[in-house]
Amino acid sequence: MRIGLVVGPWFTVPPEKYGGTERVVDALACALVDAGHEVFLAAASDSTCPVPLVPGLEVSEPDELGTSLSELNHVIKAYAGLQDVDIIHDHTLAGPLYAHRPTGIPVVTTIHGPLSPRTAGLYRDMAQDTAIIAISHDQANGVPDLPIAGVIHHGLDLSQVAVGGGLGGYACFVGRMCPDKGLLEAVDVARQASIPLRIAAKMHAPDERQFFHDVVEPMLGPNEDFVGELSDPAKYELMGDAFVLLNPIQWPEPFGLVMIEALATGTPVLATSMGAAPEILSHGVNGFLAPAQELAAYIEAVKGISREACRRSVQDHFTAARMAEDHVELYARVIERFAAKAEPLPSI
């Protein structure tokens, strides 16, 4: 199968630091190649993913994150360069709505973000001629009338993630510098349990910097260590040396890649039972789920969680190979229906 992957223009694939979608697309591309498929990637031209890149695209511009002009310019060039593939898997918002995409090639898209009423309306319009993939059942169930062709959980290339010993004596928090990610709640949990907390967070956007300077920085004490944004190797080292990842999210996160990253290093997770967290964590097996104000009570119990069981939960359910296999099965169904001039795949 010849597969075209489209991702936004703002970060490289894989990303140097922040970039959950780009990290997932990199893992998917490599796993598809490992499974014997040809992959062509429309991404920022300075990407290092080891598959052929669509030529003529610009270098990554993180400062332009979310701007319509940069995305539209990127999408137009991406589709022009993907005229000879069997299917296009578009990870942007604008691409599936582009009126001049190739008429003879089916398109699927993945919803990577939250489904607000406004974005749900856009995806309903897309579903007229595009197969929609959700990244969790919680996300898919959030808008019952949106046709979802399939739910495919994210996966990791475990060869890139070493198992740590969890002997650093600290808890860690990894995420974005915003209230929804639960950093303030993580600090509270660590203080209740009298344990050190190491904080790694992306802080690019103005609202992220303001939240840090106005709210987070003034309340940090001697037991909290803010280490900034980390590369993947440094992040996995931080996670692997921690005895627990604190993830008290305060919104229905569609997936939560940080949880499977921590589990892959052998580190259990304490999280609130919001969004897709119950699809990733098995209470008492690879972590615990509870309201934020109750998580500190599980600190001692989490030390008894098997690090092997945490790693195994990723091996069994969240590998890049499994993610690729699920996508290929869906691609084949989409191509078959497209060739038969049928409607897009029915909702699951």
Protein backbone atom coordinates (compact mmCIF):
# COMPACT_ATOMS: atom_id res chain seq x y z
CA MET A 1 0.00 0.00 0.00
CA ARG A 2 1.23 3.51 -0.87
CA ILE A 3 0.27 5.82 1.97
CA GLY A 4 0.49 9.60 2.14
CA LEU A 5 0.68 11.16 5.59
CA VAL A 6 0.02 14.87 6.11
CA VAL A 7 0.90 16.69 9.32
CA GLY A 8 0.89 20.40 10.15
CA PRO A 9 3.77 22.74 9.26
CA TRP A 10 4.73 24.02 12.70
CA PHE A 11 6.89 21.23 14.17
CA THR A 12 9.25 18.69 12.70
CA VAL A 13 8.47 14.97 12.51
CA PRO A 14 9.61 13.73 14.94
CA PRO A 15 9.53 16.88 17.08
CA GLU A 16 12.67 18.05 18.83
CA LYS A 17 10.71 18.50 22.06
CA TYR A 18 7.00 19.39 22.16
CA GLY A 19 4.68 17.90 19.54
CA GLY A 20 2.39 15.00 20.45
CA THR A 21 0.78 14.67 17.00
CA GLU A 22 4.16 14.81 15.26
CA ARG A 23 5.54 12.16 17.62
CA VAL A 24 2.60 9.85 16.88
CA VAL A 25 2.88 10.40 13.10
CA ASP A 26 6.59 9.59 13.21
CA ALA A 27 5.91 6.33 15.05
CA LEU A 28 3.09 5.48 12.64
CA ALA A 29 5.19 6.21 9.54
CA CYS A 30 8.09 4.06 10.71
CA ALA A 31 5.81 1.20 11.78
CA LEU A 32 3.99 1.26 8.43
CA VAL A 33 7.34 0.98 6.63
CA ASP A 34 8.37 -1.87 8.93
CA ALA A 35 5.13 -3.62 7.94
CA GLY A 36 6.10 -3.41 4.25
CA HIS A 37 4.21 -0.34 3.07
CA GLU A 38 5.46 2.73 1.19
CA VAL A 39 5.00 5.96 3.11
CA PHE A 40 5.29 9.54 1.85
CA LEU A 41 5.25 12.32 4.42
CA ALA A 42 4.07 15.89 3.93
CA ALA A 43 5.69 17.67 6.87
CA ALA A 44 8.06 20.53 7.63
CA SER A 45 11.10 20.19 5.36
CA ASP A 46 13.51 19.97 8.27
CA SER A 47 11.82 16.79 9.53
CA THR A 48 14.08 13.78 10.06
CA CYS A 49 11.52 10.95 9.89
CA PRO A 50 13.21 8.30 7.71
CA VAL A 51 10.60 8.20 4.92
CA PRO A 52 10.42 10.22 1.67
CA LEU A 53 9.30 13.81 2.29
CA VAL A 54 7.00 15.68 -0.08
CA PRO A 55 9.27 18.30 -1.68
CA GLY A 56 8.67 22.03 -1.69
CA LEU A 57 7.41 22.40 1.88
CA GLU A 58 8.86 24.97 4.28
CA VAL A 59 10.88 24.53 7.45
CA SER A 60 9.09 24.25 10.78
CA GLU A 61 7.84 27.50 12.36
CA PRO A 62 6.70 26.87 15.95
CA ASP A 63 5.98 30.57 16.45
CA GLU A 64 3.25 30.35 13.79
CA LEU A 65 1.45 27.51 15.58
CA GLY A 66 -2.26 27.52 14.71
CA THR A 67 -2.15 30.23 12.03
CA SER A 68 -4.49 29.57 9.12
CA LEU A 69 -2.27 30.97 6.38
CA SER A 70 0.69 28.75 7.22
CA GLU A 71 -1.52 25.65 7.46
CA LEU A 72 -3.41 26.35 4.23
CA ASN A 73 -0.22 27.03 2.27
CA HIS A 74 1.23 23.80 3.63
CA VAL A 75 -1.89 21.74 2.85
CA ILE A 76 -2.11 22.94 -0.76
CA LYS A 77 1.51 21.92 -1.41
CA ALA A 78 1.04 18.64 0.47
CA TYR A 79 -1.88 17.49 -1.67
CA ALA A 80 -0.12 18.58 -4.86
CA GLY A 81 2.75 16.29 -3.89
CA LEU A 82 0.59 13.27 -3.04
CA GLN A 83 -0.97 12.49 -6.42
CA ASP A 84 0.32 8.92 -6.67
CA VAL A 85 -0.72 7.18 -3.46
CA ASP A 86 -3.48 4.75 -2.56
CA ILE A 87 -4.76 6.74 0.40
CA ILE A 88 -4.02 10.01 2.21
CA HIS A 89 -4.12 10.15 6.00
CA ASP A 90 -4.40 13.82 6.92
CA HIS A 91 -3.61 14.92 10.49
CA THR A 92 -4.43 18.59 9.90
CA LEU A 93 -7.75 20.37 10.35
CA ALA A 94 -7.71 22.28 7.07
CA GLY A 95 -6.64 19.47 4.74
CA PRO A 96 -9.82 17.37 4.68
CA LEU A 97 -11.80 20.54 3.89
CA TYR A 98 -9.53 21.51 0.98
CA ALA A 99 -11.72 21.66 -2.13
CA HIS A 100 -8.98 20.77 -4.61
CA ARG A 101 -7.58 17.60 -3.10
CA PRO A 102 -7.06 14.72 -5.60
CA THR A 103 -10.45 13.33 -6.64
CA GLY A 104 -9.22 9.77 -7.19
CA ILE A 105 -7.65 9.23 -3.76
CA PRO A 106 -9.59 8.50 -0.55
CA VAL A 107 -8.78 10.57 2.53
CA VAL A 108 -8.97 9.72 6.21
CA THR A 109 -8.33 12.08 9.10
CA THR A 110 -7.60 11.73 12.80
CA ILE A 111 -9.11 13.96 15.47
CA HIS A 112 -6.17 14.84 17.68
CA GLY A 113 -7.77 17.57 19.75
CA PRO A 114 -10.89 18.14 21.85
CA LEU A 115 -14.26 18.08 20.14
CA SER A 116 -15.82 21.44 20.91
CA PRO A 117 -19.21 22.25 19.34
CA ARG A 118 -17.40 24.31 16.71
CA THR A 119 -14.85 21.65 15.75
CA ALA A 120 -17.51 18.93 15.87
CA GLY A 121 -19.39 20.84 13.18
CA LEU A 122 -16.29 20.92 10.99
CA TYR A 123 -15.79 17.17 11.38
CA ARG A 124 -19.44 16.53 10.48
CA ASP A 125 -18.79 18.38 7.21
CA MET A 126 -15.59 16.37 6.66
CA ALA A 127 -17.43 13.09 7.22
CA GLN A 128 -19.35 13.57 3.97
CA ASP A 129 -16.29 12.43 2.01
CA THR A 130 -13.63 11.64 4.63
CA ALA A 131 -13.32 8.75 7.08
CA ILE A 132 -12.92 10.04 10.65
CA ILE A 133 -10.63 8.32 13.18
CA ALA A 134 -10.93 8.97 16.92
CA ILE A 135 -8.02 8.37 19.29
CA SER A 136 -10.14 7.11 22.20
CA HIS A 137 -13.63 5.83 22.89
CA ASP A 138 -14.19 8.73 25.26
CA GLN A 139 -13.47 11.16 22.42
CA ALA A 140 -15.73 9.26 20.02
CA ASN A 141 -18.58 9.11 22.51
CA GLY A 142 -18.39 12.84 23.21
CA VAL A 143 -20.32 13.69 20.04
CA PRO A 144 -22.69 10.74 19.42
CA ASP A 145 -23.97 12.01 16.08
CA LEU A 146 -20.49 12.37 14.54
CA PRO A 147 -19.73 9.45 12.20
CA ILE A 148 -16.56 7.76 13.47
CA ALA A 149 -15.03 5.12 11.19
CA GLY A 150 -12.80 3.71 13.90
CA VAL A 151 -11.11 4.26 17.25
CA ILE A 152 -7.33 3.76 17.14
CA HIS A 153 -5.27 4.36 20.27
CA HIS A 154 -1.82 5.88 19.95
CA GLY A 155 1.28 3.68 20.10
CA LEU A 156 4.99 3.98 20.85
CA ASP A 157 8.15 2.51 19.36
CA LEU A 158 9.38 0.77 22.48
CA SER A 159 12.85 0.34 21.05
CA GLN A 160 13.29 4.06 21.71
CA VAL A 161 12.23 3.88 25.37
CA ALA A 162 14.36 2.22 28.05
CA VAL A 163 12.92 0.90 31.30
CA GLY A 164 14.10 2.91 34.28
CA GLY A 165 14.63 1.74 37.83
CA GLY A 166 12.42 4.36 39.48
CA LEU A 167 15.13 4.96 42.07
CA GLY A 168 15.32 8.75 41.88
CA GLY A 169 13.13 9.24 44.92
CA TYR A 170 10.84 11.76 43.25
CA ALA A 171 7.51 12.07 41.46
CA CYS A 172 7.41 13.77 38.08
CA PHE A 173 4.96 15.87 36.10
CA VAL A 174 5.30 16.17 32.32
CA GLY A 175 2.94 18.26 30.23
CA ARG A 176 2.07 21.69 28.95
CA MET A 177 2.11 24.78 31.14
CA CYS A 178 -1.63 25.33 31.47
CA PRO A 179 -4.32 24.77 34.13
CA ASP A 180 -5.99 21.89 32.26
CA LYS A 181 -2.94 19.65 32.60
CA GLY A 182 -3.23 19.68 36.39
CA LEU A 183 0.18 21.03 37.39
CA LEU A 184 -1.19 22.88 40.42
CA GLU A 185 -2.98 19.71 41.51
CA ALA A 186 0.24 17.70 41.03
CA VAL A 187 2.13 20.11 43.29
CA ASP A 188 -0.61 19.76 45.90
CA VAL A 189 -0.47 15.94 45.72
CA ALA A 190 3.31 15.94 46.12
CA ARG A 191 3.14 18.32 49.08
CA GLN A 192 0.43 16.29 50.80
CA ALA A 193 2.63 13.21 50.45
CA SER A 194 5.85 15.10 51.36
CA ILE A 195 7.69 13.94 48.24
CA PRO A 196 9.91 15.88 45.80
CA LEU A 197 8.36 16.78 42.46
CA ARG A 198 10.26 17.37 39.23
CA ILE A 199 8.33 19.35 36.61
CA ALA A 200 8.99 19.25 32.86
CA ALA A 201 6.66 21.43 30.82
CA LYS A 202 6.32 23.01 27.40
CA MET A 203 6.04 26.79 27.71
CA HIS A 204 6.02 28.52 24.30
CA ALA A 205 2.71 30.32 23.90
CA PRO A 206 2.05 33.66 25.62
CA ASP A 207 -0.74 32.20 27.76
CA GLU A 208 1.59 29.40 28.90
CA ARG A 209 4.31 31.86 29.88
CA GLN A 210 1.81 34.06 31.67
CA PHE A 211 0.38 31.11 33.62
CA PHE A 212 3.89 30.15 34.71
CA HIS A 213 5.00 33.63 35.74
CA ASP A 214 1.72 34.70 37.37
CA VAL A 215 0.61 31.47 39.02
CA VAL A 216 3.16 28.66 39.02
CA GLU A 217 6.52 30.32 39.60
CA PRO A 218 5.46 32.27 42.71
CA MET A 219 4.17 29.14 44.44
CA LEU A 220 7.08 26.80 43.74
CA GLY A 221 8.94 25.77 46.87
CA PRO A 222 12.19 23.96 47.69
CA ASN A 223 10.58 20.57 47.09
CA GLU A 224 9.61 21.40 43.48
CA ASP A 225 12.17 21.50 40.68
CA PHE A 226 11.13 23.03 37.35
CA VAL A 227 13.41 21.59 34.64
CA GLY A 228 11.72 23.16 31.59
CA GLU A 229 10.97 21.38 28.32
CA LEU A 230 12.96 18.23 27.61
CA SER A 231 14.00 16.25 24.55
CA ASP A 232 12.68 12.70 24.31
CA PRO A 233 15.82 11.03 25.73
CA ALA A 234 15.92 13.44 28.68
CA LYS A 235 12.18 13.08 29.21
CA TYR A 236 12.34 9.29 29.27
CA GLU A 237 15.26 9.45 31.71
CA LEU A 238 13.26 11.76 33.98
CA MET A 239 10.25 9.44 33.83
CA GLY A 240 12.27 6.27 34.28
CA ASP A 241 14.00 7.55 37.41
CA ALA A 242 10.70 8.72 38.95
CA PHE A 243 8.67 6.32 41.08
CA VAL A 244 5.40 7.81 39.80
CA LEU A 245 4.06 10.18 37.15
CA LEU A 246 1.43 12.55 38.50
CA ASN A 247 -1.18 13.30 35.85
CA PRO A 248 -4.17 14.91 37.60
CA ILE A 249 -5.67 16.30 34.39
CA GLN A 250 -8.55 18.74 34.73
CA TRP A 251 -10.19 18.23 31.35
CA PRO A 252 -11.41 15.29 29.23
CA GLU A 253 -8.12 14.74 27.40
CA PRO A 254 -8.72 12.78 24.17
CA PHE A 255 -5.82 10.40 24.83
CA GLY A 256 -2.87 11.28 27.05
CA LEU A 257 0.37 10.22 25.35
CA VAL A 258 2.39 11.16 28.44
CA MET A 259 0.81 8.28 30.36
CA ILE A 260 1.91 5.56 27.95
CA GLU A 261 5.35 7.17 27.73
CA ALA A 262 5.74 6.92 31.51
CA LEU A 263 4.37 3.38 31.58
CA ALA A 264 6.84 2.40 28.85
CA THR A 265 9.69 3.44 31.16
CA GLY A 266 8.15 1.24 33.87
CA THR A 267 6.79 4.14 35.89
CA PRO A 268 3.20 3.87 37.19
CA VAL A 269 0.75 6.75 36.89
CA LEU A 270 -1.59 8.50 39.30
CA ALA A 271 -4.31 10.25 37.33
CA THR A 272 -7.78 11.66 37.53
CA SER A 273 -10.43 9.54 35.85
CA MET A 274 -11.11 12.00 33.04
CA GLY A 275 -11.07 11.67 29.28
CA ALA A 276 -9.28 8.57 28.02
CA ALA A 277 -7.36 7.88 31.24
CA PRO A 278 -9.50 4.81 32.11
CA GLU A 279 -8.69 3.38 28.65
CA ILE A 280 -4.97 3.53 29.49
CA LEU A 281 -4.77 2.86 33.22
CA SER A 282 -5.98 -0.25 35.01
CA HIS A 283 -6.60 0.69 38.63
CA GLY A 284 -4.09 -1.14 40.82
CA VAL A 285 -2.22 -2.71 37.87
CA ASN A 286 -0.26 0.10 36.22
CA GLY A 287 -1.43 2.99 38.38
CA PHE A 288 -4.44 4.40 40.16
CA LEU A 289 -7.38 6.58 39.15
CA ALA A 290 -9.00 8.93 41.65
CA PRO A 291 -10.16 12.54 42.09
CA ALA A 292 -7.21 14.91 42.40
CA GLN A 293 -7.83 15.54 46.10
CA GLU A 294 -7.59 11.79 46.79
CA LEU A 295 -4.47 10.93 44.78
CA ALA A 296 -2.02 11.56 47.62
CA ALA A 297 -3.58 8.64 49.49
CA TYR A 298 -2.24 6.31 46.76
CA ILE A 299 1.42 7.39 46.98
CA GLU A 300 2.45 4.46 49.17
CA ALA A 301 0.33 1.98 47.19
CA VAL A 302 1.84 3.07 43.89
CA LYS A 303 5.29 2.08 45.15
CA GLY A 304 4.05 -1.51 45.13
CA ILE A 305 3.04 -1.42 41.46
CA SER A 306 5.20 -3.69 39.31
CA ARG A 307 7.34 -1.74 36.87
CA GLU A 308 7.31 -4.82 34.64
CA ALA A 309 3.49 -4.71 34.61
CA CYS A 310 3.59 -1.05 33.58
CA ARG A 311 5.89 -1.78 30.66
CA ARG A 312 3.85 -4.85 29.72
CA SER A 313 0.64 -2.78 29.57
CA VAL A 314 2.23 -0.77 26.76
CA GLN A 315 3.64 -3.84 25.04
CA ASP A 316 0.19 -5.43 25.05
CA HIS A 317 -1.91 -2.45 23.96
CA PHE A 318 0.04 0.65 22.91
CA THR A 319 2.84 -0.27 20.51
CA ALA A 320 3.51 1.49 17.21
CA ALA A 321 3.20 -1.88 15.42
CA ARG A 322 -0.33 -2.38 16.78
CA MET A 323 -1.21 1.21 15.84
CA ALA A 324 0.03 0.63 12.28
CA GLU A 325 -1.86 -2.67 11.98
CA ASP A 326 -5.09 -1.00 13.06
CA HIS A 327 -4.59 1.79 10.54
CA VAL A 328 -3.83 -0.54 7.66
CA GLU A 329 -7.02 -2.49 8.34
CA LEU A 330 -9.03 0.75 8.30
CA TYR A 331 -7.21 2.06 5.20
CA ALA A 332 -8.10 -1.14 3.34
CA ARG A 333 -11.78 -0.78 4.20
CA VAL A 334 -11.78 2.87 3.12
CA ILE A 335 -10.05 2.08 -0.19
CA GLU A 336 -12.49 -0.76 -0.89
CA ARG A 337 -15.54 1.43 -0.30
CA PHE A 338 -14.00 4.29 -2.29
CA ALA A 339 -13.35 1.99 -5.25
CA ALA A 340 -16.96 0.81 -5.09
CA LYS A 341 -18.05 4.48 -5.05
CA ALA A 342 -19.78 3.85 -1.74
CA GLU A 343 -20.41 6.32 1.03
CA PRO A 344 -17.63 6.82 3.63
CA LEU A 345 -17.32 4.11 6.24
CA PRO A 346 -20.35 3.89 8.52
CA SER A 347 -20.01 4.99 12.10
CA ILE A 348 -18.80 2.39 14.60
